[in-house]
């Protein structure tokens, strides 16, 4: 719980950030205190300096809790950054304009929705974080058949989340639509 206070107490309220403890593993039996517990976290931010501050505060909080419990310094938590954080993806305005125009034309403006920035993790964002500064555009393709979407809108059906084991797209229509939008967008981009 203490890690969640980093966002509320240490960050500018205008700097979006998410800290998720996605895995806690420790011990082998209910009545034996484990020698070691491992936590795996996900940190999502739009700014590198915010990410660095969060890393710093995680170490300070863990060290502070260990010290307050009287642990010998040799037993304090070890903070290990196993994987590089996934950077935020920033859509290129020109690419999004092209994709929006193509999507409006192919599937109808009423089926194209602009969304606010989202704190999602996507490896695709690494392309835009290289020294070459590759322009990127990430869009979400609706994959739910109209009948299921209508039932969801009416409140009689709950849509499973994207990474849920219950998620199942309308494969044929989803692939067809995604390929059309992507292909037509590339053709329009190359012709500009």
N, C-alpha and C. Protein backbone atom coordinates (compact mmCIF):
# COMPACT_ATOMS: atom_id res chain seq x y z
N UNK A 1 0.82 -1.20 0.00
CA UNK A 1 0.00 0.00 0.00
C UNK A 1 0.86 1.26 0.00
N UNK A 2 1.96 1.19 0.70
CA UNK A 2 2.80 2.38 0.81
C UNK A 2 3.29 2.86 -0.55
N UNK A 3 3.53 1.94 -1.48
CA UNK A 3 4.02 2.34 -2.80
C UNK A 3 2.99 3.20 -3.54
N UNK A 4 1.72 2.97 -3.27
CA UNK A 4 0.68 3.75 -3.95
C UNK A 4 0.70 5.22 -3.54
N UNK A 5 1.29 5.52 -2.40
CA UNK A 5 1.35 6.92 -1.96
C UNK A 5 2.33 7.74 -2.79
N UNK A 6 3.20 7.08 -3.54
CA UNK A 6 4.15 7.81 -4.39
C UNK A 6 3.40 8.70 -5.36
N UNK A 7 2.38 8.14 -6.01
CA UNK A 7 1.62 8.91 -7.00
C UNK A 7 0.89 10.07 -6.33
N UNK A 8 0.26 9.82 -5.19
CA UNK A 8 -0.54 10.87 -4.55
C UNK A 8 0.28 11.90 -3.79
N UNK A 9 1.46 11.52 -3.28
CA UNK A 9 2.21 12.44 -2.41
C UNK A 9 3.49 13.00 -3.01
N UNK A 10 4.02 12.35 -4.03
CA UNK A 10 5.33 12.78 -4.55
C UNK A 10 5.30 13.33 -5.96
N UNK A 11 4.19 13.17 -6.65
CA UNK A 11 4.13 13.60 -8.05
C UNK A 11 3.23 14.81 -8.21
N UNK A 12 3.55 15.60 -9.21
CA UNK A 12 2.67 16.67 -9.62
C UNK A 12 1.35 16.03 -10.05
N UNK A 13 0.21 16.53 -9.58
CA UNK A 13 -1.06 15.90 -9.94
C UNK A 13 -1.34 15.90 -11.44
N UNK A 14 -0.62 16.71 -12.20
CA UNK A 14 -0.81 16.74 -13.65
C UNK A 14 0.07 15.71 -14.37
N UNK A 15 0.96 15.04 -13.63
CA UNK A 15 1.81 14.00 -14.21
C UNK A 15 1.17 12.64 -13.97
N UNK A 16 0.64 12.06 -15.02
CA UNK A 16 0.00 10.75 -14.90
C UNK A 16 1.04 9.68 -14.59
N UNK A 17 0.67 8.75 -13.73
CA UNK A 17 1.54 7.62 -13.40
C UNK A 17 0.70 6.49 -12.84
N UNK A 18 1.15 5.28 -13.08
CA UNK A 18 0.51 4.09 -12.55
C UNK A 18 1.59 3.19 -11.97
N UNK A 19 1.36 2.71 -10.75
CA UNK A 19 2.24 1.72 -10.12
C UNK A 19 1.37 0.51 -9.81
N UNK A 20 1.69 -0.62 -10.40
CA UNK A 20 0.90 -1.83 -10.19
C UNK A 20 1.80 -2.94 -9.65
N UNK A 21 1.42 -3.51 -8.52
CA UNK A 21 2.09 -4.70 -8.02
C UNK A 21 1.33 -5.87 -8.64
N UNK A 22 1.93 -6.47 -9.65
CA UNK A 22 1.25 -7.52 -10.41
C UNK A 22 1.51 -8.92 -9.92
N UNK A 23 2.55 -9.10 -9.10
CA UNK A 23 2.89 -10.43 -8.62
C UNK A 23 3.56 -10.33 -7.26
N UNK A 24 3.10 -11.16 -6.32
CA UNK A 24 3.72 -11.29 -5.00
C UNK A 24 3.95 -12.78 -4.77
N UNK A 25 5.21 -13.15 -4.58
CA UNK A 25 5.53 -14.57 -4.38
C UNK A 25 6.46 -14.73 -3.19
N UNK A 26 6.10 -15.64 -2.31
CA UNK A 26 6.97 -15.90 -1.17
C UNK A 26 6.47 -17.08 -0.36
N UNK A 27 7.39 -17.81 0.19
CA UNK A 27 7.03 -18.90 1.08
C UNK A 27 6.62 -20.17 0.38
N UNK A 28 6.54 -21.22 1.20
CA UNK A 28 6.19 -22.54 0.68
C UNK A 28 5.04 -23.18 1.46
N UNK A 29 4.74 -22.62 2.64
CA UNK A 29 3.71 -23.21 3.49
C UNK A 29 3.07 -22.12 4.34
N UNK A 30 1.81 -22.34 4.70
CA UNK A 30 1.05 -21.32 5.42
C UNK A 30 1.60 -21.00 6.81
N UNK A 31 2.30 -21.90 7.44
CA UNK A 31 2.76 -21.67 8.82
C UNK A 31 4.27 -21.46 8.94
N UNK A 32 4.93 -21.17 7.81
CA UNK A 32 6.37 -20.90 7.84
C UNK A 32 6.61 -19.51 7.28
N UNK A 33 7.28 -18.67 8.06
CA UNK A 33 7.60 -17.32 7.59
C UNK A 33 8.67 -17.43 6.51
N UNK A 34 8.40 -16.88 5.32
CA UNK A 34 9.36 -17.03 4.23
C UNK A 34 10.63 -16.22 4.46
N UNK A 35 11.72 -16.74 3.96
CA UNK A 35 13.00 -16.04 4.02
C UNK A 35 13.04 -14.92 3.00
N UNK A 36 12.23 -15.06 1.96
CA UNK A 36 12.29 -14.10 0.86
C UNK A 36 10.90 -13.96 0.24
N UNK A 37 10.56 -12.75 -0.15
CA UNK A 37 9.32 -12.47 -0.89
C UNK A 37 9.69 -11.60 -2.08
N UNK A 38 9.17 -11.97 -3.25
CA UNK A 38 9.45 -11.20 -4.46
C UNK A 38 8.18 -10.50 -4.93
N UNK A 39 8.32 -9.23 -5.22
CA UNK A 39 7.24 -8.45 -5.80
C UNK A 39 7.65 -8.05 -7.20
N UNK A 40 6.72 -8.11 -8.13
CA UNK A 40 6.97 -7.63 -9.48
C UNK A 40 6.01 -6.48 -9.74
N UNK A 41 6.58 -5.38 -10.19
CA UNK A 41 5.80 -4.16 -10.40
C UNK A 41 5.83 -3.73 -11.85
N UNK A 42 4.80 -3.00 -12.22
CA UNK A 42 4.77 -2.29 -13.49
C UNK A 42 4.65 -0.81 -13.16
N UNK A 43 5.46 -0.01 -13.82
CA UNK A 43 5.42 1.44 -13.65
C UNK A 43 5.14 2.04 -15.01
N UNK A 44 4.12 2.89 -15.08
CA UNK A 44 3.79 3.55 -16.35
C UNK A 44 3.72 5.05 -16.13
N UNK A 45 4.44 5.77 -16.97
CA UNK A 45 4.45 7.23 -16.93
C UNK A 45 4.59 7.75 -18.35
N UNK A 46 4.33 9.03 -18.51
CA UNK A 46 4.57 9.67 -19.80
C UNK A 46 5.94 10.33 -19.86
N UNK A 47 6.54 10.57 -18.69
CA UNK A 47 7.81 11.30 -18.63
C UNK A 47 8.89 10.46 -17.96
N UNK A 48 10.08 10.50 -18.54
CA UNK A 48 11.22 9.75 -18.01
C UNK A 48 11.58 10.23 -16.60
N UNK A 49 11.53 11.55 -16.36
CA UNK A 49 11.90 12.06 -15.04
C UNK A 49 10.91 11.60 -13.96
N UNK A 50 9.65 11.43 -14.31
CA UNK A 50 8.66 10.91 -13.37
C UNK A 50 8.97 9.44 -13.07
N UNK A 51 9.30 8.68 -14.09
CA UNK A 51 9.67 7.26 -13.91
C UNK A 51 10.89 7.15 -12.99
N UNK A 52 11.89 8.00 -13.20
CA UNK A 52 13.10 7.96 -12.37
C UNK A 52 12.78 8.30 -10.92
N UNK A 53 11.90 9.28 -10.70
CA UNK A 53 11.51 9.64 -9.33
C UNK A 53 10.79 8.46 -8.67
N UNK A 54 9.92 7.79 -9.40
CA UNK A 54 9.21 6.64 -8.84
C UNK A 54 10.20 5.54 -8.45
N UNK A 55 11.17 5.25 -9.30
CA UNK A 55 12.19 4.24 -8.97
C UNK A 55 12.91 4.62 -7.68
N UNK A 56 13.30 5.89 -7.57
CA UNK A 56 14.01 6.38 -6.38
C UNK A 56 13.14 6.23 -5.13
N UNK A 57 11.87 6.62 -5.24
CA UNK A 57 10.99 6.56 -4.07
C UNK A 57 10.68 5.11 -3.65
N UNK A 58 10.59 4.20 -4.61
CA UNK A 58 10.37 2.79 -4.26
C UNK A 58 11.51 2.31 -3.37
N UNK A 59 12.75 2.61 -3.75
CA UNK A 59 13.90 2.19 -2.95
C UNK A 59 13.86 2.85 -1.57
N UNK A 60 13.57 4.15 -1.53
CA UNK A 60 13.53 4.87 -0.25
C UNK A 60 12.44 4.30 0.67
N UNK A 61 11.28 4.02 0.13
CA UNK A 61 10.18 3.48 0.94
C UNK A 61 10.53 2.09 1.46
N UNK A 62 11.05 1.23 0.60
CA UNK A 62 11.42 -0.12 1.03
C UNK A 62 12.51 -0.08 2.10
N UNK A 63 13.50 0.76 1.90
CA UNK A 63 14.57 0.90 2.90
C UNK A 63 14.01 1.46 4.21
N UNK A 64 13.11 2.42 4.11
CA UNK A 64 12.52 3.01 5.31
C UNK A 64 11.71 2.01 6.12
N UNK A 65 10.93 1.18 5.45
CA UNK A 65 10.15 0.16 6.15
C UNK A 65 11.08 -0.85 6.82
N UNK A 66 12.13 -1.27 6.11
CA UNK A 66 13.09 -2.22 6.69
C UNK A 66 13.76 -1.62 7.91
N UNK A 67 14.17 -0.36 7.82
CA UNK A 67 14.82 0.30 8.96
C UNK A 67 13.86 0.42 10.14
N UNK A 68 12.60 0.77 9.87
CA UNK A 68 11.64 0.94 10.96
C UNK A 68 11.31 -0.38 11.65
N UNK A 69 11.53 -1.50 10.99
CA UNK A 69 11.30 -2.83 11.57
C UNK A 69 12.55 -3.36 12.28
N UNK A 70 13.64 -2.56 12.22
CA UNK A 70 14.86 -2.95 12.91
C UNK A 70 15.69 -4.00 12.20
N UNK A 71 15.47 -4.17 10.91
CA UNK A 71 16.26 -5.15 10.16
C UNK A 71 17.70 -4.69 10.01
N UNK A 72 18.61 -5.66 10.12
CA UNK A 72 20.00 -5.38 9.82
C UNK A 72 20.08 -4.95 8.36
N UNK A 73 20.95 -3.99 8.06
CA UNK A 73 21.03 -3.45 6.70
C UNK A 73 21.32 -4.54 5.66
N UNK A 74 21.98 -5.60 6.06
CA UNK A 74 22.27 -6.69 5.12
C UNK A 74 20.99 -7.42 4.70
N UNK A 75 19.89 -7.24 5.45
CA UNK A 75 18.61 -7.91 5.16
C UNK A 75 17.59 -6.98 4.50
N UNK A 76 18.02 -5.75 4.21
CA UNK A 76 17.10 -4.81 3.58
C UNK A 76 16.71 -5.30 2.19
N UNK A 77 15.57 -4.86 1.71
CA UNK A 77 15.12 -5.30 0.38
C UNK A 77 16.12 -4.95 -0.72
N UNK A 78 16.20 -5.84 -1.68
CA UNK A 78 17.02 -5.58 -2.86
C UNK A 78 16.08 -5.16 -3.98
N UNK A 79 16.31 -4.00 -4.53
CA UNK A 79 15.49 -3.50 -5.63
C UNK A 79 16.24 -3.81 -6.92
N UNK A 80 15.64 -4.63 -7.76
CA UNK A 80 16.27 -5.04 -9.01
C UNK A 80 15.37 -4.64 -10.17
N UNK A 81 15.93 -3.88 -11.08
CA UNK A 81 15.20 -3.52 -12.29
C UNK A 81 15.54 -4.59 -13.33
N UNK A 82 14.67 -5.55 -13.49
CA UNK A 82 14.94 -6.68 -14.39
C UNK A 82 14.78 -6.30 -15.85
N UNK A 83 13.78 -5.56 -16.15
CA UNK A 83 13.52 -5.18 -17.53
C UNK A 83 13.44 -3.67 -17.61
N UNK A 84 13.87 -3.15 -18.73
CA UNK A 84 13.74 -1.72 -18.95
C UNK A 84 12.25 -1.40 -18.99
N UNK A 85 11.88 -0.27 -18.44
CA UNK A 85 10.49 0.15 -18.48
C UNK A 85 10.06 0.37 -19.92
N UNK A 86 8.82 0.05 -20.20
CA UNK A 86 8.28 0.32 -21.52
C UNK A 86 7.95 1.81 -21.59
N UNK A 87 8.49 2.52 -22.57
CA UNK A 87 8.23 3.95 -22.65
C UNK A 87 6.79 4.24 -23.07
N UNK A 88 6.37 5.45 -22.83
CA UNK A 88 5.05 5.87 -23.29
C UNK A 88 5.07 6.01 -24.80
N UNK A 89 3.96 5.70 -25.42
CA UNK A 89 3.83 5.89 -26.87
C UNK A 89 3.17 7.23 -27.13
N UNK A 90 3.74 8.00 -28.03
CA UNK A 90 3.16 9.28 -28.42
C UNK A 90 2.82 9.20 -29.90
N UNK A 91 1.53 9.28 -30.20
CA UNK A 91 1.09 9.19 -31.58
C UNK A 91 1.50 10.42 -32.38
N UNK A 92 1.99 10.19 -33.59
CA UNK A 92 2.34 11.25 -34.52
C UNK A 92 1.04 11.82 -35.09
N UNK A 93 0.86 13.12 -35.00
CA UNK A 93 -0.38 13.77 -35.44
C UNK A 93 -0.72 13.52 -36.90
N UNK A 94 0.28 13.60 -37.78
CA UNK A 94 0.02 13.39 -39.21
C UNK A 94 -0.43 11.95 -39.47
N UNK A 95 0.22 10.99 -38.84
CA UNK A 95 -0.17 9.59 -39.03
C UNK A 95 -1.58 9.33 -38.52
N UNK A 96 -1.90 9.89 -37.38
CA UNK A 96 -3.25 9.71 -36.83
C UNK A 96 -4.29 10.37 -37.73
N UNK A 97 -3.98 11.56 -38.27
CA UNK A 97 -4.92 12.21 -39.19
C UNK A 97 -5.19 11.33 -40.40
N UNK A 98 -4.14 10.75 -40.97
CA UNK A 98 -4.29 9.86 -42.13
C UNK A 98 -5.14 8.65 -41.76
N UNK A 99 -4.81 8.02 -40.64
CA UNK A 99 -5.55 6.82 -40.24
C UNK A 99 -7.01 7.13 -39.91
N UNK A 100 -7.24 8.29 -39.33
CA UNK A 100 -8.62 8.68 -39.01
C UNK A 100 -9.41 8.91 -40.29
N UNK A 101 -8.81 9.63 -41.25
CA UNK A 101 -9.49 9.85 -42.54
C UNK A 101 -9.81 8.53 -43.23
N UNK A 102 -8.84 7.64 -43.28
CA UNK A 102 -9.05 6.34 -43.93
C UNK A 102 -10.12 5.54 -43.19
N UNK A 103 -10.05 5.51 -41.86
CA UNK A 103 -11.04 4.77 -41.07
C UNK A 103 -12.44 5.33 -41.27
N UNK A 104 -12.56 6.67 -41.26
CA UNK A 104 -13.86 7.29 -41.49
C UNK A 104 -14.43 6.86 -42.83
N UNK A 105 -13.58 6.82 -43.83
CA UNK A 105 -14.00 6.47 -45.19
C UNK A 105 -14.38 4.99 -45.30
N UNK A 106 -13.59 4.11 -44.69
CA UNK A 106 -13.81 2.66 -44.84
C UNK A 106 -14.90 2.09 -43.95
N UNK A 107 -14.96 2.54 -42.71
CA UNK A 107 -15.92 1.92 -41.78
C UNK A 107 -16.97 2.89 -41.26
N UNK A 108 -16.90 4.15 -41.69
CA UNK A 108 -17.89 5.12 -41.27
C UNK A 108 -17.46 5.91 -40.05
N UNK A 109 -17.66 7.21 -40.13
CA UNK A 109 -17.24 8.11 -39.05
C UNK A 109 -17.88 7.73 -37.71
N UNK A 110 -19.11 7.21 -37.77
CA UNK A 110 -19.81 6.83 -36.54
C UNK A 110 -19.14 5.66 -35.82
N UNK A 111 -18.25 4.96 -36.51
CA UNK A 111 -17.55 3.82 -35.92
C UNK A 111 -16.10 4.13 -35.53
N UNK A 112 -15.73 5.39 -35.62
CA UNK A 112 -14.37 5.81 -35.28
C UNK A 112 -14.45 6.71 -34.05
N UNK A 113 -13.72 6.35 -33.01
CA UNK A 113 -13.78 7.08 -31.75
C UNK A 113 -12.38 7.52 -31.36
N UNK A 114 -12.21 8.80 -31.10
CA UNK A 114 -10.94 9.30 -30.56
C UNK A 114 -10.98 9.11 -29.04
N UNK A 115 -9.91 8.57 -28.49
CA UNK A 115 -9.87 8.35 -27.04
C UNK A 115 -8.80 9.24 -26.41
N UNK A 116 -8.98 9.52 -25.15
CA UNK A 116 -7.98 10.27 -24.38
C UNK A 116 -6.74 9.40 -24.21
N UNK A 117 -5.59 10.00 -23.92
CA UNK A 117 -4.38 9.19 -23.67
C UNK A 117 -4.64 8.13 -22.59
N UNK A 118 -4.06 6.98 -22.78
CA UNK A 118 -4.26 5.84 -21.88
C UNK A 118 -2.91 5.40 -21.30
N UNK A 119 -2.92 4.95 -20.06
CA UNK A 119 -1.71 4.45 -19.40
C UNK A 119 -1.61 2.94 -19.62
N UNK A 120 -1.33 2.57 -20.86
CA UNK A 120 -1.18 1.16 -21.20
C UNK A 120 0.29 0.88 -21.50
N UNK A 121 0.70 -0.34 -21.35
CA UNK A 121 2.07 -0.73 -21.67
C UNK A 121 2.09 -1.46 -23.01
N UNK A 122 2.89 -0.99 -23.91
CA UNK A 122 2.96 -1.61 -25.23
C UNK A 122 4.38 -1.49 -25.76
N UNK A 123 5.00 -2.61 -26.06
CA UNK A 123 6.38 -2.62 -26.56
C UNK A 123 6.54 -1.82 -27.84
N UNK A 124 5.47 -1.69 -28.60
CA UNK A 124 5.47 -0.92 -29.84
C UNK A 124 6.04 0.48 -29.62
N UNK A 125 5.86 1.04 -28.42
CA UNK A 125 6.31 2.40 -28.12
C UNK A 125 7.83 2.55 -28.25
N UNK A 126 8.56 1.47 -28.18
CA UNK A 126 10.02 1.55 -28.30
C UNK A 126 10.46 2.11 -29.65
N UNK A 127 9.66 1.89 -30.70
CA UNK A 127 10.02 2.43 -32.02
C UNK A 127 10.12 3.96 -31.98
N UNK A 128 9.25 4.60 -31.25
CA UNK A 128 9.26 6.06 -31.16
C UNK A 128 10.26 6.60 -30.17
N UNK A 129 10.97 5.71 -29.47
CA UNK A 129 11.92 6.14 -28.44
C UNK A 129 13.36 5.93 -28.87
N UNK A 130 13.59 5.71 -30.15
CA UNK A 130 14.94 5.49 -30.64
C UNK A 130 15.57 6.82 -31.02
N UNK A 131 16.87 6.82 -31.23
CA UNK A 131 17.55 8.06 -31.64
C UNK A 131 17.05 8.53 -33.00
N UNK A 132 16.52 7.59 -33.80
CA UNK A 132 15.99 7.96 -35.12
C UNK A 132 14.64 8.66 -35.00
N UNK A 133 14.00 8.58 -33.84
CA UNK A 133 12.71 9.23 -33.57
C UNK A 133 11.68 8.86 -34.64
N UNK A 134 11.42 7.57 -34.75
CA UNK A 134 10.49 7.06 -35.75
C UNK A 134 9.06 7.49 -35.39
N UNK A 135 8.36 8.13 -36.33
CA UNK A 135 6.96 8.50 -36.04
C UNK A 135 6.11 7.24 -35.86
N UNK A 136 5.27 7.23 -34.85
CA UNK A 136 4.42 6.07 -34.59
C UNK A 136 2.97 6.50 -34.43
N UNK A 137 2.09 5.56 -34.66
CA UNK A 137 0.67 5.76 -34.42
C UNK A 137 0.08 4.42 -34.01
N UNK A 138 -0.52 4.40 -32.86
CA UNK A 138 -1.14 3.18 -32.38
C UNK A 138 -2.63 3.41 -32.31
N UNK A 139 -3.37 2.50 -32.91
CA UNK A 139 -4.83 2.61 -32.83
C UNK A 139 -5.41 1.30 -32.34
N UNK A 140 -6.58 1.40 -31.74
CA UNK A 140 -7.27 0.22 -31.26
C UNK A 140 -8.35 -0.16 -32.26
N UNK A 141 -8.37 -1.39 -32.60
CA UNK A 141 -9.34 -1.91 -33.55
C UNK A 141 -10.44 -2.63 -32.79
N UNK A 142 -11.66 -2.16 -32.95
CA UNK A 142 -12.79 -2.84 -32.32
C UNK A 142 -12.95 -4.23 -32.90
N UNK A 143 -13.08 -5.22 -32.05
CA UNK A 143 -13.14 -6.61 -32.53
C UNK A 143 -14.40 -7.33 -32.07
N UNK A 144 -15.34 -6.58 -31.52
CA UNK A 144 -16.56 -7.18 -30.99
C UNK A 144 -17.65 -7.10 -32.06
N UNK A 145 -18.33 -8.20 -32.35
CA UNK A 145 -19.43 -8.14 -33.31
C UNK A 145 -20.53 -7.19 -32.84
N UNK A 146 -21.22 -6.59 -33.79
CA UNK A 146 -22.25 -5.60 -33.49
C UNK A 146 -23.29 -6.13 -32.49
N UNK A 147 -23.71 -7.38 -32.66
CA UNK A 147 -24.73 -7.93 -31.75
C UNK A 147 -24.25 -7.91 -30.30
N UNK A 148 -22.99 -8.32 -30.07
CA UNK A 148 -22.45 -8.31 -28.71
C UNK A 148 -22.29 -6.89 -28.20
N UNK A 149 -21.86 -5.98 -29.07
CA UNK A 149 -21.69 -4.58 -28.67
C UNK A 149 -23.04 -3.97 -28.29
N UNK A 150 -24.07 -4.25 -29.06
CA UNK A 150 -25.41 -3.75 -28.74
C UNK A 150 -25.87 -4.27 -27.38
N UNK A 151 -25.61 -5.55 -27.10
CA UNK A 151 -25.98 -6.11 -25.80
C UNK A 151 -25.18 -5.47 -24.67
N UNK A 152 -23.92 -5.15 -24.93
CA UNK A 152 -23.09 -4.47 -23.94
C UNK A 152 -23.64 -3.07 -23.66
N UNK A 153 -23.96 -2.33 -24.72
CA UNK A 153 -24.48 -0.97 -24.57
C UNK A 153 -25.80 -0.98 -23.81
N UNK A 154 -26.64 -1.98 -24.04
CA UNK A 154 -27.93 -2.06 -23.35
C UNK A 154 -27.79 -2.51 -21.90
N UNK A 155 -26.59 -2.98 -21.51
CA UNK A 155 -26.36 -3.39 -20.13
C UNK A 155 -26.61 -4.85 -19.85
N UNK A 156 -26.97 -5.63 -20.86
CA UNK A 156 -27.27 -7.05 -20.63
C UNK A 156 -26.06 -7.96 -20.81
N UNK A 157 -24.92 -7.38 -21.17
CA UNK A 157 -23.75 -8.20 -21.47
C UNK A 157 -22.50 -7.45 -21.04
N UNK A 158 -21.61 -8.12 -20.36
CA UNK A 158 -20.34 -7.50 -19.97
C UNK A 158 -19.25 -7.97 -20.92
N UNK A 159 -18.54 -7.03 -21.50
CA UNK A 159 -17.45 -7.40 -22.41
C UNK A 159 -16.23 -7.84 -21.61
N UNK A 160 -15.61 -8.95 -21.99
CA UNK A 160 -14.38 -9.35 -21.30
C UNK A 160 -13.24 -8.41 -21.69
N UNK A 161 -12.33 -8.21 -20.77
CA UNK A 161 -11.18 -7.34 -21.02
C UNK A 161 -10.27 -7.95 -22.08
N UNK A 162 -9.46 -7.11 -22.69
CA UNK A 162 -8.60 -7.53 -23.78
C UNK A 162 -7.69 -8.70 -23.41
N UNK A 163 -7.11 -8.69 -22.22
CA UNK A 163 -6.18 -9.75 -21.83
C UNK A 163 -6.85 -10.83 -20.97
N UNK A 164 -8.16 -10.84 -20.99
CA UNK A 164 -8.92 -11.84 -20.24
C UNK A 164 -8.93 -13.16 -21.01
N UNK A 165 -8.97 -14.29 -20.31
CA UNK A 165 -9.08 -15.57 -21.01
C UNK A 165 -10.44 -15.73 -21.70
N UNK A 166 -11.39 -14.84 -21.40
CA UNK A 166 -12.72 -14.91 -21.99
C UNK A 166 -12.87 -14.02 -23.23
N UNK A 167 -11.82 -13.28 -23.55
CA UNK A 167 -11.85 -12.40 -24.72
C UNK A 167 -11.83 -13.25 -26.00
N UNK A 168 -12.76 -12.97 -26.88
CA UNK A 168 -12.73 -13.64 -28.18
C UNK A 168 -13.24 -12.67 -29.24
N UNK A 169 -12.37 -12.31 -30.16
CA UNK A 169 -12.74 -11.34 -31.20
C UNK A 169 -13.50 -12.01 -32.34
N UNK A 170 -14.14 -11.18 -33.12
CA UNK A 170 -14.72 -11.61 -34.39
C UNK A 170 -13.54 -11.65 -35.36
N UNK A 171 -12.88 -12.78 -35.43
CA UNK A 171 -11.58 -12.88 -36.09
C UNK A 171 -11.61 -12.45 -37.55
N UNK A 172 -12.51 -13.01 -38.33
CA UNK A 172 -12.52 -12.74 -39.77
C UNK A 172 -12.74 -11.25 -40.06
N UNK A 173 -13.76 -10.67 -39.45
CA UNK A 173 -14.04 -9.25 -39.69
C UNK A 173 -12.95 -8.35 -39.11
N UNK A 174 -12.41 -8.74 -37.96
CA UNK A 174 -11.36 -7.93 -37.33
C UNK A 174 -10.11 -7.87 -38.20
N UNK A 175 -9.69 -9.02 -38.69
CA UNK A 175 -8.49 -9.06 -39.54
C UNK A 175 -8.74 -8.29 -40.84
N UNK A 176 -9.90 -8.52 -41.45
CA UNK A 176 -10.22 -7.84 -42.71
C UNK A 176 -10.19 -6.31 -42.51
N UNK A 177 -10.84 -5.84 -41.47
CA UNK A 177 -10.90 -4.40 -41.21
C UNK A 177 -9.52 -3.84 -40.89
N UNK A 178 -8.77 -4.53 -40.03
CA UNK A 178 -7.44 -4.06 -39.66
C UNK A 178 -6.50 -3.98 -40.84
N UNK A 179 -6.53 -4.99 -41.70
CA UNK A 179 -5.67 -4.99 -42.89
C UNK A 179 -6.07 -3.87 -43.84
N UNK A 180 -7.38 -3.68 -44.04
CA UNK A 180 -7.84 -2.61 -44.94
C UNK A 180 -7.40 -1.24 -44.44
N UNK A 181 -7.66 -0.97 -43.16
CA UNK A 181 -7.31 0.35 -42.61
C UNK A 181 -5.80 0.56 -42.68
N UNK A 182 -5.02 -0.44 -42.29
CA UNK A 182 -3.56 -0.31 -42.30
C UNK A 182 -3.03 -0.12 -43.72
N UNK A 183 -3.51 -0.94 -44.65
CA UNK A 183 -3.03 -0.87 -46.03
C UNK A 183 -3.39 0.46 -46.68
N UNK A 184 -4.64 0.86 -46.56
CA UNK A 184 -5.08 2.13 -47.16
C UNK A 184 -4.35 3.31 -46.52
N UNK A 185 -4.08 3.23 -45.23
CA UNK A 185 -3.35 4.31 -44.54
C UNK A 185 -1.92 4.41 -45.08
N UNK A 186 -1.27 3.27 -45.26
CA UNK A 186 0.09 3.27 -45.82
C UNK A 186 0.11 3.82 -47.24
N UNK A 187 -0.85 3.42 -48.06
CA UNK A 187 -0.92 3.93 -49.43
C UNK A 187 -1.09 5.44 -49.42
N UNK A 188 -1.99 5.93 -48.56
CA UNK A 188 -2.21 7.38 -48.47
C UNK A 188 -0.95 8.09 -47.97
N UNK A 189 -0.26 7.49 -47.00
CA UNK A 189 0.97 8.08 -46.48
C UNK A 189 2.03 8.17 -47.57
N UNK A 190 2.23 7.10 -48.32
CA UNK A 190 3.25 7.09 -49.37
C UNK A 190 2.90 8.02 -50.53
N UNK A 191 1.63 8.29 -50.73
CA UNK A 191 1.21 9.19 -51.82
C UNK A 191 1.26 10.66 -51.41
N UNK A 192 1.46 10.92 -50.14
CA UNK A 192 1.55 12.32 -49.66
C UNK A 192 2.93 12.88 -49.90
